[in-house]
Amino acid sequence: MELLDGKLCAKNLRTKLKNQLKNTGESRPALAIVIVGDDPASKVYVRNKNRVAKEIGITTYNYMLNQDTDLATLLSLIHMLNNNDKIDGILVQMPLPEQFTFSDVSQVIEAIDPAKDVDGFHPTNLGNLFIGNTANNAGMKYPVPCTPKGVMYLLKENNIPIDGKNVVVIGRSTIVGKPMAALLTNNNATVTLAHSHTQHLADITRKADIIIVAVGKADFLTADMVKPDTVIIDVGMNRKDGKLVGDVDFDSFKGHTGYITPVPGGVGPMTVAMLFEQLIMLHQNKLKGDDNNG
């Protein structure tokens, strides 16, 4: 099997973004990161995002809210950030504490100005993705969810064809599965979106040229479920015996002749890199808007 090195691809992209900011002489893009509560994994993710931002040359503003923060307080902060012209992108780190219901989380996502939606989760931006709109008439590009965008970038950087290919996406979340299927469809793939209710899944995956698995179950996809030369993209992040593993039973793929992403070091670094590529894009959108208004 041949590894798709997301770590190297992300490093190259970060260098490209750093040079882009340096060479254009633009003002530094700014990201507001909001974290609510004391989730250890969230703190690690935020620390990593701050580190990468510093490396590229991006300003971050961190807003640390208490565990018992209520919805009204969080929405008030988002409203303030929406109206702060210094802020180009707003990221609310998930998951939120348990007092936040599914409806609350939806309200939080919808409260973010679509023009500052660096995660690409706002219904307006998802709607543009699903109808195939990439930019408005003024040339301002629409953000899309960063993990699917990172997967597309990884495939293209490794010259893996998508056009006309049979692709199976396993998992139907609005963060990965559904936008992943939309991006692939917009790039002329033939897509099957599989999920927990899909029957005879192995019969479907054995016909795939590319499989993208994002179900949150360790060792879910095994080598007997795929053709020998299938490209395997593992989006999963799970803990097993104290180690970080994906949704793919990696060891079962020894001798596999296709590409495969490792965990860690595959899709994860791409997601973070794409977040900042998208922030720079939002910053450029704002500059275009200022030019048009001036």
C-alpha atoms as a PDB file:
ATOM      1  CA  MET A   1       0.000   0.000   0.000  1.00  0.00           C
ATOM      2  CA  GLU A   2       1.105   3.563  -0.645  1.00  0.00           C
ATOM      3  CA  LEU A   3       0.564   6.158   2.079  1.00  0.00           C
ATOM      4  CA  LEU A   4      -1.122   9.469   1.332  1.00  0.00           C
ATOM      5  CA  ASP A   5       0.975  11.750   3.511  1.00  0.00           C
ATOM      6  CA  GLY A   6      -1.416  14.412   4.809  1.00  0.00           C
ATOM      7  CA  LYS A   7       1.224  15.696   7.191  1.00  0.00           C
ATOM      8  CA  LEU A   8       3.617  16.565   4.346  1.00  0.00           C
ATOM      9  CA  CYS A   9       0.836  17.913   2.128  1.00  0.00           C
ATOM     10  CA  ALA A  10      -0.402  20.149   4.951  1.00  0.00           C
ATOM     11  CA  LYS A  11       3.141  21.370   5.664  1.00  0.00           C
ATOM     12  CA  ASN A  12       3.578  22.348   2.013  1.00  0.00           C
ATOM     13  CA  LEU A  13       0.230  24.153   2.033  1.00  0.00           C
ATOM     14  CA  ARG A  14       1.111  26.053   5.215  1.00  0.00           C
ATOM     15  CA  THR A  15       4.378  27.177   3.615  1.00  0.00           C
ATOM     16  CA  LYS A  16       2.459  28.294   0.523  1.00  0.00           C
ATOM     17  CA  LEU A  17       0.008  30.283   2.673  1.00  0.00           C
ATOM     18  CA  LYS A  18       2.832  31.853   4.692  1.00  0.00           C
ATOM     19  CA  ASN A  19       4.606  32.960   1.507  1.00  0.00           C
ATOM     20  CA  GLN A  20       1.337  34.196   0.029  1.00  0.00           C
ATOM     21  CA  LEU A  21       0.760  36.521   2.977  1.00  0.00           C
ATOM     22  CA  LYS A  22       4.371  37.648   2.978  1.00  0.00           C
ATOM     23  CA  ASN A  23       4.491  38.358  -0.759  1.00  0.00           C
ATOM     24  CA  THR A  24       1.160  40.129  -1.111  1.00  0.00           C
ATOM     25  CA  GLY A  25       1.839  42.438   1.821  1.00  0.00           C
ATOM     26  CA  GLU A  26      -1.781  42.218   2.896  1.00  0.00           C
ATOM     27  CA  SER A  27      -2.857  42.984   6.437  1.00  0.00           C
ATOM     28  CA  ARG A  28      -2.760  39.923   8.641  1.00  0.00           C
ATOM     29  CA  PRO A  29      -5.990  37.909   8.640  1.00  0.00           C
ATOM     30  CA  ALA A  30      -7.528  37.467  12.107  1.00  0.00           C
ATOM     31  CA  LEU A  31      -9.344  34.462  13.546  1.00  0.00           C
ATOM     32  CA  ALA A  32     -11.523  34.493  16.665  1.00  0.00           C
ATOM     33  CA  ILE A  33     -11.482  31.143  18.458  1.00  0.00           C
ATOM     34  CA  VAL A  34     -14.229  30.556  21.017  1.00  0.00           C
ATOM     35  CA  ILE A  35     -13.930  27.635  23.417  1.00  0.00           C
ATOM     36  CA  VAL A  36     -16.567  26.868  26.032  1.00  0.00           C
ATOM     37  CA  GLY A  37     -15.678  24.657  28.997  1.00  0.00           C
ATOM     38  CA  ASP A  38     -12.783  22.399  29.913  1.00  0.00           C
ATOM     39  CA  ASP A  39     -12.840  19.594  27.342  1.00  0.00           C
ATOM     40  CA  PRO A  40      -9.196  18.370  27.201  1.00  0.00           C
ATOM     41  CA  ALA A  41      -9.320  17.396  23.514  1.00  0.00           C
ATOM     42  CA  SER A  42     -10.764  20.790  22.582  1.00  0.00           C
ATOM     43  CA  LYS A  43      -7.937  22.548  24.417  1.00  0.00           C
ATOM     44  CA  VAL A  44      -5.387  20.490  22.469  1.00  0.00           C
ATOM     45  CA  TYR A  45      -7.103  21.341  19.164  1.00  0.00           C
ATOM     46  CA  VAL A  46      -7.206  25.054  20.009  1.00  0.00           C
ATOM     47  CA  ARG A  47      -3.557  25.061  21.061  1.00  0.00           C
ATOM     48  CA  ASN A  48      -2.633  23.393  17.757  1.00  0.00           C
ATOM     49  CA  LYS A  49      -4.647  25.934  15.757  1.00  0.00           C
ATOM     50  CA  ASN A  50      -2.931  28.805  17.545  1.00  0.00           C
ATOM     51  CA  ARG A  51       0.468  27.276  16.799  1.00  0.00           C
ATOM     52  CA  VAL A  52      -0.298  26.867  13.094  1.00  0.00           C
ATOM     53  CA  ALA A  53      -1.733  30.396  12.896  1.00  0.00           C
ATOM     54  CA  LYS A  54       1.481  31.830  14.331  1.00  0.00           C
ATOM     55  CA  GLU A  55       3.546  29.795  11.843  1.00  0.00           C
ATOM     56  CA  ILE A  56       1.588  31.137   8.856  1.00  0.00           C
ATOM     57  CA  GLY A  57       1.363  34.728  10.094  1.00  0.00           C
ATOM     58  CA  ILE A  58      -2.256  34.892  11.195  1.00  0.00           C
ATOM     59  CA  THR A  59      -3.557  36.730  14.252  1.00  0.00           C
ATOM     60  CA  THR A  60      -5.754  34.790  16.674  1.00  0.00           C
ATOM     61  CA  TYR A  61      -8.019  36.066  19.428  1.00  0.00           C
ATOM     62  CA  ASN A  62      -8.980  33.420  21.973  1.00  0.00           C
ATOM     63  CA  TYR A  63     -12.194  33.652  23.981  1.00  0.00           C
ATOM     64  CA  MET A  64     -12.269  31.137  26.846  1.00  0.00           C
ATOM     65  CA  LEU A  65     -15.735  30.788  28.379  1.00  0.00           C
ATOM     66  CA  ASN A  66     -16.639  28.932  31.564  1.00  0.00           C
ATOM     67  CA  GLN A  67     -18.121  25.442  31.563  1.00  0.00           C
ATOM     68  CA  ASP A  68     -21.487  26.755  32.792  1.00  0.00           C
ATOM     69  CA  THR A  69     -21.808  29.438  30.069  1.00  0.00           C
ATOM     70  CA  ASP A  70     -25.380  29.656  28.767  1.00  0.00           C
ATOM     71  CA  LEU A  71     -26.645  30.031  25.207  1.00  0.00           C
ATOM     72  CA  ALA A  72     -27.493  33.735  25.526  1.00  0.00           C
ATOM     73  CA  THR A  73     -23.950  34.599  26.646  1.00  0.00           C
ATOM     74  CA  LEU A  74     -22.380  32.653  23.782  1.00  0.00           C
ATOM     75  CA  LEU A  75     -24.725  34.203  21.197  1.00  0.00           C
ATOM     76  CA  SER A  76     -23.937  37.665  22.559  1.00  0.00           C
ATOM     77  CA  LEU A  77     -20.213  37.050  22.073  1.00  0.00           C
ATOM     78  CA  ILE A  78     -20.764  35.802  18.508  1.00  0.00           C
ATOM     79  CA  HIS A  79     -22.859  38.895  17.738  1.00  0.00           C
ATOM     80  CA  MET A  80     -20.038  41.090  19.029  1.00  0.00           C
ATOM     81  CA  LEU A  81     -17.483  39.262  16.881  1.00  0.00           C
ATOM     82  CA  ASN A  82     -19.730  39.516  13.819  1.00  0.00           C
ATOM     83  CA  ASN A  83     -19.654  43.291  14.221  1.00  0.00           C
ATOM     84  CA  ASN A  84     -15.911  43.519  14.853  1.00  0.00           C
ATOM     85  CA  ASP A  85     -14.314  44.525  11.547  1.00  0.00           C
ATOM     86  CA  LYS A  86     -10.897  43.293  12.712  1.00  0.00           C
ATOM     87  CA  ILE A  87     -12.171  39.693  12.775  1.00  0.00           C
ATOM     88  CA  ASP A  88     -12.163  37.802   9.463  1.00  0.00           C
ATOM     89  CA  GLY A  89     -13.299  34.409  10.731  1.00  0.00           C
ATOM     90  CA  ILE A  90     -15.110  32.974  13.758  1.00  0.00           C
ATOM     91  CA  LEU A  91     -14.566  29.435  15.010  1.00  0.00           C
ATOM     92  CA  VAL A  92     -16.599  27.988  17.864  1.00  0.00           C
ATOM     93  CA  GLN A  93     -14.766  24.877  19.034  1.00  0.00           C
ATOM     94  CA  MET A  94     -16.985  21.806  19.261  1.00  0.00           C
ATOM     95  CA  PRO A  95     -18.265  19.973  21.175  1.00  0.00           C
ATOM     96  CA  LEU A  96     -20.061  22.421  23.433  1.00  0.00           C
ATOM     97  CA  PRO A  97     -20.803  21.418  27.055  1.00  0.00           C
ATOM     98  CA  GLU A  98     -23.744  19.093  27.724  1.00  0.00           C
ATOM     99  CA  GLN A  99     -26.162  21.894  28.688  1.00  0.00           C
ATOM    100  CA  PHE A 100     -26.223  22.886  25.010  1.00  0.00           C
ATOM    101  CA  THR A 101     -28.931  20.957  23.164  1.00  0.00           C
ATOM    102  CA  PHE A 102     -28.858  20.032  19.475  1.00  0.00           C
ATOM    103  CA  SER A 103     -31.118  23.023  18.846  1.00  0.00           C
ATOM    104  CA  ASP A 104     -28.730  25.272  20.786  1.00  0.00           C
ATOM    105  CA  VAL A 105     -25.762  24.132  18.698  1.00  0.00           C
ATOM    106  CA  SER A 106     -27.744  24.861  15.522  1.00  0.00           C
ATOM    107  CA  GLN A 107     -28.489  28.357  16.816  1.00  0.00           C
ATOM    108  CA  VAL A 108     -24.802  28.923  17.531  1.00  0.00           C
ATOM    109  CA  ILE A 109     -23.799  27.880  14.006  1.00  0.00           C
ATOM    110  CA  GLU A 110     -26.545  29.998  12.430  1.00  0.00           C
ATOM    111  CA  ALA A 111     -25.565  33.028  14.553  1.00  0.00           C
ATOM    112  CA  ILE A 112     -22.148  33.264  12.891  1.00  0.00           C
ATOM    113  CA  ASP A 113     -22.050  35.710   9.972  1.00  0.00           C
ATOM    114  CA  PRO A 114     -21.806  33.518   6.820  1.00  0.00           C
ATOM    115  CA  ALA A 115     -19.024  35.850   5.616  1.00  0.00           C
ATOM    116  CA  LYS A 116     -16.997  34.928   8.742  1.00  0.00           C
ATOM    117  CA  ASP A 117     -17.950  31.229   8.820  1.00  0.00           C
ATOM    118  CA  VAL A 118     -14.447  29.794   8.613  1.00  0.00           C
ATOM    119  CA  ASP A 119     -15.722  26.256   9.352  1.00  0.00           C
ATOM    120  CA  GLY A 120     -18.187  26.388   6.454  1.00  0.00           C
ATOM    121  CA  PHE A 121     -21.069  25.021   8.541  1.00  0.00           C
ATOM    122  CA  HIS A 122     -23.588  27.870   8.185  1.00  0.00           C
ATOM    123  CA  PRO A 123     -26.756  26.796   6.300  1.00  0.00           C
ATOM    124  CA  THR A 124     -26.212  29.577   3.754  1.00  0.00           C
ATOM    125  CA  ASN A 125     -22.747  28.286   2.894  1.00  0.00           C
ATOM    126  CA  LEU A 126     -23.847  24.651   2.901  1.00  0.00           C
ATOM    127  CA  GLY A 127     -26.707  25.636   0.594  1.00  0.00           C
ATOM    128  CA  ASN A 128     -24.286  27.241  -1.854  1.00  0.00           C
ATOM    129  CA  LEU A 129     -22.156  24.096  -1.771  1.00  0.00           C
ATOM    130  CA  PHE A 130     -25.102  21.815  -2.503  1.00  0.00           C
ATOM    131  CA  ILE A 131     -26.310  23.875  -5.467  1.00  0.00           C
ATOM    132  CA  GLY A 132     -22.775  24.185  -6.807  1.00  0.00           C
ATOM    133  CA  ASN A 133     -22.176  27.907  -6.175  1.00  0.00           C
ATOM    134  CA  THR A 134     -18.527  28.640  -5.438  1.00  0.00           C
ATOM    135  CA  ALA A 135     -18.561  32.475  -5.478  1.00  0.00           C
ATOM    136  CA  ASN A 136     -20.885  35.447  -5.853  1.00  0.00           C
ATOM    137  CA  ASN A 137     -20.934  37.968  -8.697  1.00  0.00           C
ATOM    138  CA  ALA A 138     -18.284  40.090  -6.969  1.00  0.00           C
ATOM    139  CA  GLY A 139     -15.873  37.134  -6.938  1.00  0.00           C
ATOM    140  CA  MET A 140     -16.197  36.504  -3.200  1.00  0.00           C
ATOM    141  CA  LYS A 141     -15.737  32.783  -2.618  1.00  0.00           C
ATOM    142  CA  TYR A 142     -17.988  30.763  -0.310  1.00  0.00           C
ATOM    143  CA  PRO A 143     -16.461  28.658   2.480  1.00  0.00           C
ATOM    144  CA  VAL A 144     -17.078  24.912   2.707  1.00  0.00           C
ATOM    145  CA  PRO A 145     -16.433  22.445   5.559  1.00  0.00           C
ATOM    146  CA  CYS A 146     -12.681  22.102   6.047  1.00  0.00           C
ATOM    147  CA  THR A 147     -12.313  18.325   6.332  1.00  0.00           C
ATOM    148  CA  PRO A 148     -14.004  17.530   2.994  1.00  0.00           C
ATOM    149  CA  LYS A 149     -12.109  20.422   1.414  1.00  0.00           C
ATOM    150  CA  GLY A 150      -8.868  18.969   2.808  1.00  0.00           C
ATOM    151  CA  VAL A 151      -9.672  15.527   1.401  1.00  0.00           C
ATOM    152  CA  MET A 152     -10.250  17.027  -2.059  1.00  0.00           C
ATOM    153  CA  TYR A 153      -6.958  18.921  -1.837  1.00  0.00           C
ATOM    154  CA  LEU A 154      -5.080  15.775  -0.759  1.00  0.00           C
ATOM    155  CA  LEU A 155      -6.512  13.759  -3.671  1.00  0.00           C
ATOM    156  CA  LYS A 156      -5.702  16.439  -6.236  1.00  0.00           C
ATOM    157  CA  GLU A 157      -2.177  17.083  -4.908  1.00  0.00           C
ATOM    158  CA  ASN A 158      -1.460  13.359  -5.318  1.00  0.00           C
ATOM    159  CA  ASN A 159      -2.895  13.321  -8.856  1.00  0.00           C
ATOM    160  CA  ILE A 160      -5.670  10.906  -7.930  1.00  0.00           C
ATOM    161  CA  PRO A 161      -8.449  11.330 -10.508  1.00  0.00           C
ATOM    162  CA  ILE A 162     -11.979  12.053  -9.296  1.00  0.00           C
ATOM    163  CA  ASP A 163     -13.840  12.762 -12.543  1.00  0.00           C
ATOM    164  CA  GLY A 164     -16.055   9.797 -13.437  1.00  0.00           C
ATOM    165  CA  LYS A 165     -14.805   7.664 -10.540  1.00  0.00           C
ATOM    166  CA  ASN A 166     -17.062   5.522  -8.368  1.00  0.00           C
ATOM    167  CA  VAL A 167     -16.749   6.953  -4.829  1.00  0.00           C
ATOM    168  CA  VAL A 168     -18.358   5.610  -1.661  1.00  0.00           C
ATOM    169  CA  VAL A 169     -18.653   7.977   1.314  1.00  0.00           C
ATOM    170  CA  ILE A 170     -19.473   6.166   4.568  1.00  0.00           C
ATOM    171  CA  GLY A 171     -21.050   8.544   7.086  1.00  0.00           C
ATOM    172  CA  ARG A 172     -23.715  11.224   6.543  1.00  0.00           C
ATOM    173  CA  SER A 173     -22.854  13.989   9.015  1.00  0.00           C
ATOM    174  CA  THR A 174     -23.220  17.628   7.984  1.00  0.00           C
ATOM    175  CA  ILE A 175     -19.569  18.141   8.971  1.00  0.00           C
ATOM    176  CA  VAL A 176     -18.030  15.476   6.729  1.00  0.00           C
ATOM    177  CA  GLY A 177     -20.275  12.980   4.931  1.00  0.00           C
ATOM    178  CA  LYS A 178     -22.904  15.140   3.227  1.00  0.00           C
ATOM    179  CA  PRO A 179     -20.578  18.011   2.173  1.00  0.00           C
ATOM    180  CA  MET A 180     -17.989  15.436   1.072  1.00  0.00           C
ATOM    181  CA  ALA A 181     -20.573  13.844  -1.216  1.00  0.00           C
ATOM    182  CA  ALA A 182     -21.528  17.270  -2.582  1.00  0.00           C
ATOM    183  CA  LEU A 183     -17.928  18.293  -3.316  1.00  0.00           C
ATOM    184  CA  LEU A 184     -17.256  14.999  -5.083  1.00  0.00           C
ATOM    185  CA  THR A 185     -20.457  15.289  -7.110  1.00  0.00           C
ATOM    186  CA  ASN A 186     -19.544  18.856  -8.081  1.00  0.00           C
ATOM    187  CA  ASN A 187     -16.252  17.417  -9.358  1.00  0.00           C
ATOM    188  CA  ASN A 188     -18.014  14.815 -11.522  1.00  0.00           C
ATOM    189  CA  ALA A 189     -17.607  11.723  -9.338  1.00  0.00           C
ATOM    190  CA  THR A 190     -20.374   9.117  -9.125  1.00  0.00           C
ATOM    191  CA  VAL A 191     -21.122   9.097  -5.403  1.00  0.00           C
ATOM    192  CA  THR A 192     -22.817   6.621  -3.086  1.00  0.00           C
ATOM    193  CA  LEU A 193     -23.504   8.037   0.385  1.00  0.00           C
ATOM    194  CA  ALA A 194     -23.663   5.084   2.785  1.00  0.00           C
ATOM    195  CA  HIS A 195     -24.557   5.121   6.486  1.00  0.00           C
ATOM    196  CA  SER A 196     -25.699   3.004   9.447  1.00  0.00           C
ATOM    197  CA  HIS A 197     -28.903   1.908   7.661  1.00  0.00           C
ATOM    198  CA  THR A 198     -27.141   0.876   4.435  1.00  0.00           C
ATOM    199  CA  GLN A 199     -27.692  -2.799   3.642  1.00  0.00           C
ATOM    200  CA  HIS A 200     -24.990  -5.056   2.171  1.00  0.00           C
ATOM    201  CA  LEU A 201     -22.357  -2.343   2.556  1.00  0.00           C
ATOM    202  CA  ALA A 202     -19.448  -4.582   1.527  1.00  0.00           C
ATOM    203  CA  ASP A 203     -21.131  -5.288  -1.814  1.00  0.00           C
ATOM    204  CA  ILE A 204     -21.170  -1.524  -2.411  1.00  0.00           C
ATOM    205  CA  THR A 205     -17.630  -0.776  -1.219  1.00  0.00           C
ATOM    206  CA  ARG A 206     -16.122  -3.566  -3.332  1.00  0.00           C
ATOM    207  CA  LYS A 207     -17.181  -1.645  -6.449  1.00  0.00           C
ATOM    208  CA  ALA A 208     -15.586   1.643  -5.322  1.00  0.00           C
ATOM    209  CA  ASP A 209     -12.525   3.320  -6.804  1.00  0.00           C
ATOM    210  CA  ILE A 210     -12.303   5.619  -3.764  1.00  0.00           C
ATOM    211  CA  ILE A 211     -13.724   5.090  -0.271  1.00  0.00           C
ATOM    212  CA  ILE A 212     -13.978   7.886   2.293  1.00  0.00           C
ATOM    213  CA  VAL A 213     -14.939   6.596   5.727  1.00  0.00           C
ATOM    214  CA  ALA A 214     -16.140   8.863   8.542  1.00  0.00           C
ATOM    215  CA  VAL A 215     -18.269   6.858  10.968  1.00  0.00           C
ATOM    216  CA  GLY A 216     -16.389   7.187  14.264  1.00  0.00           C
ATOM    217  CA  LYS A 217     -15.903   3.431  14.766  1.00  0.00           C
ATOM    218  CA  ALA A 218     -12.431   1.955  15.101  1.00  0.00           C
ATOM    219  CA  ASP A 219     -11.495  -0.728  12.540  1.00  0.00           C
ATOM    220  CA  PHE A 220     -14.851  -0.364  10.773  1.00  0.00           C
ATOM    221  CA  LEU A 221     -13.516  -0.797   7.220  1.00  0.00           C
ATOM    222  CA  THR A 222     -11.484  -3.948   6.582  1.00  0.00           C
ATOM    223  CA  ALA A 223      -9.467  -5.033   3.555  1.00  0.00           C
ATOM    224  CA  ASP A 224     -11.942  -7.768   2.569  1.00  0.00           C
ATOM    225  CA  MET A 225     -14.530  -5.002   1.910  1.00  0.00           C
ATOM    226  CA  VAL A 226     -12.545  -3.342  -0.919  1.00  0.00           C
ATOM    227  CA  LYS A 227     -10.844  -3.955  -4.259  1.00  0.00           C
ATOM    228  CA  PRO A 228      -7.041  -4.315  -4.132  1.00  0.00           C
ATOM    229  CA  ASP A 229      -6.328  -0.928  -5.751  1.00  0.00           C
ATOM    230  CA  THR A 230      -9.006   1.214  -4.051  1.00  0.00           C
ATOM    231  CA  VAL A 231      -7.981   4.607  -2.632  1.00  0.00           C
ATOM    232  CA  ILE A 232      -8.872   4.663   1.088  1.00  0.00           C
ATOM    233  CA  ILE A 233      -9.381   7.974   2.914  1.00  0.00           C
ATOM    234  CA  ASP A 234      -9.759   7.521   6.680  1.00  0.00           C
ATOM    235  CA  VAL A 235     -11.415  10.515   8.388  1.00  0.00           C
ATOM    236  CA  GLY A 236     -11.999   8.719  11.698  1.00  0.00           C
ATOM    237  CA  MET A 237     -10.314   9.568  15.000  1.00  0.00           C
ATOM    238  CA  ASN A 238     -10.858   7.036  17.772  1.00  0.00           C
ATOM    239  CA  ARG A 239      -9.066   5.889  20.910  1.00  0.00           C
ATOM    240  CA  LYS A 240      -8.188   2.195  21.073  1.00  0.00           C
ATOM    241  CA  ASP A 241      -5.917   0.733  23.741  1.00  0.00           C
ATOM    242  CA  GLY A 242      -4.647   4.235  24.481  1.00  0.00           C
ATOM    243  CA  LYS A 243      -3.708   4.914  20.857  1.00  0.00           C
ATOM    244  CA  LEU A 244      -5.242   7.175  18.229  1.00  0.00           C
ATOM    245  CA  VAL A 245      -6.704   5.103  15.404  1.00  0.00           C
ATOM    246  CA  GLY A 246      -9.029   5.726  12.483  1.00  0.00           C
ATOM    247  CA  ASP A 247     -12.133   4.012  11.137  1.00  0.00           C
ATOM    248  CA  VAL A 248      -9.997   1.751   8.939  1.00  0.00           C
ATOM    249  CA  ASP A 249      -8.456  -1.510  10.163  1.00  0.00           C
ATOM    250  CA  PHE A 250      -5.056  -0.332   8.964  1.00  0.00           C
ATOM    251  CA  ASP A 251      -3.190  -3.579   9.664  1.00  0.00           C
ATOM    252  CA  SER A 252      -5.584  -5.582   7.483  1.00  0.00           C
ATOM    253  CA  PHE A 253      -4.522  -3.482   4.487  1.00  0.00           C
ATOM    254  CA  LYS A 254      -0.920  -4.721   4.429  1.00  0.00           C
ATOM    255  CA  GLY A 255      -0.311  -5.844   0.850  1.00  0.00           C
ATOM    256  CA  HIS A 256      -3.069  -3.547  -0.447  1.00  0.00           C
ATOM    257  CA  THR A 257      -1.990  -2.010  -3.770  1.00  0.00           C
ATOM    258  CA  GLY A 258      -3.905   1.265  -3.511  1.00  0.00           C
ATOM    259  CA  TYR A 259      -3.377   4.509  -1.627  1.00  0.00           C
ATOM    260  CA  ILE A 260      -4.377   4.838   2.030  1.00  0.00           C
ATOM    261  CA  THR A 261      -4.232   7.652   4.602  1.00  0.00           C
ATOM    262  CA  PRO A 262      -2.668   6.918   7.994  1.00  0.00           C
ATOM    263  CA  VAL A 263      -4.131   7.984  11.361  1.00  0.00           C
ATOM    264  CA  PRO A 264      -2.611  10.144  12.684  1.00  0.00           C
ATOM    265  CA  GLY A 265      -0.904  12.020   9.859  1.00  0.00           C
ATOM    266  CA  GLY A 266      -3.541  11.775   7.161  1.00  0.00           C
ATOM    267  CA  VAL A 267      -6.693  13.874   7.015  1.00  0.00           C
ATOM    268  CA  GLY A 268      -6.245  15.617  10.397  1.00  0.00           C
ATOM    269  CA  PRO A 269      -3.371  17.932   9.395  1.00  0.00           C
ATOM    270  CA  MET A 270      -5.207  18.753   6.158  1.00  0.00           C
ATOM    271  CA  THR A 271      -8.289  19.927   8.067  1.00  0.00           C
ATOM    272  CA  VAL A 272      -6.258  22.446  10.073  1.00  0.00           C
ATOM    273  CA  ALA A 273      -4.350  23.683   7.023  1.00  0.00           C
ATOM    274  CA  MET A 274      -7.574  24.151   5.062  1.00  0.00           C
ATOM    275  CA  LEU A 275      -9.062  26.132   7.953  1.00  0.00           C
ATOM    276  CA  PHE A 276      -6.370  28.773   7.509  1.00  0.00           C
ATOM    277  CA  GLU A 277      -6.499  28.674   3.721  1.00  0.00           C
ATOM    278  CA  GLN A 278     -10.205  29.400   4.103  1.00  0.00           C
ATOM    279  CA  LEU A 279      -9.565  32.197   6.636  1.00  0.00           C
ATOM    280  CA  ILE A 280      -7.227  33.909   4.151  1.00  0.00           C
ATOM    281  CA  MET A 281      -9.943  33.513   1.532  1.00  0.00           C
ATOM    282  CA  LEU A 282     -12.488  35.206   3.833  1.00  0.00           C
ATOM    283  CA  HIS A 283      -9.987  37.987   4.504  1.00  0.00           C
ATOM    284  CA  GLN A 284      -9.578  38.510   0.747  1.00  0.00           C
ATOM    285  CA  ASN A 285     -13.372  38.525   0.368  1.00  0.00           C
ATOM    286  CA  LYS A 286     -13.536  41.335   2.912  1.00  0.00           C
ATOM    287  CA  LEU A 287     -10.887  43.339   1.040  1.00  0.00           C
ATOM    288  CA  LYS A 288     -12.879  42.919  -2.187  1.00  0.00           C
ATOM    289  CA  GLY A 289     -15.988  44.081  -0.376  1.00  0.00           C
ATOM    290  CA  ASP A 290     -14.151  47.150   0.950  1.00  0.00           C
ATOM    291  CA  ASP A 291     -12.966  47.941  -2.599  1.00  0.00           C
ATOM    292  CA  ASN A 292     -16.479  47.608  -3.982  1.00  0.00           C
ATOM    293  CA  ASN A 293     -17.881  49.823  -1.240  1.00  0.00           C
ATOM    294  CA  GLY A 294     -15.177  52.406  -1.694  1.00  0.00           C
END
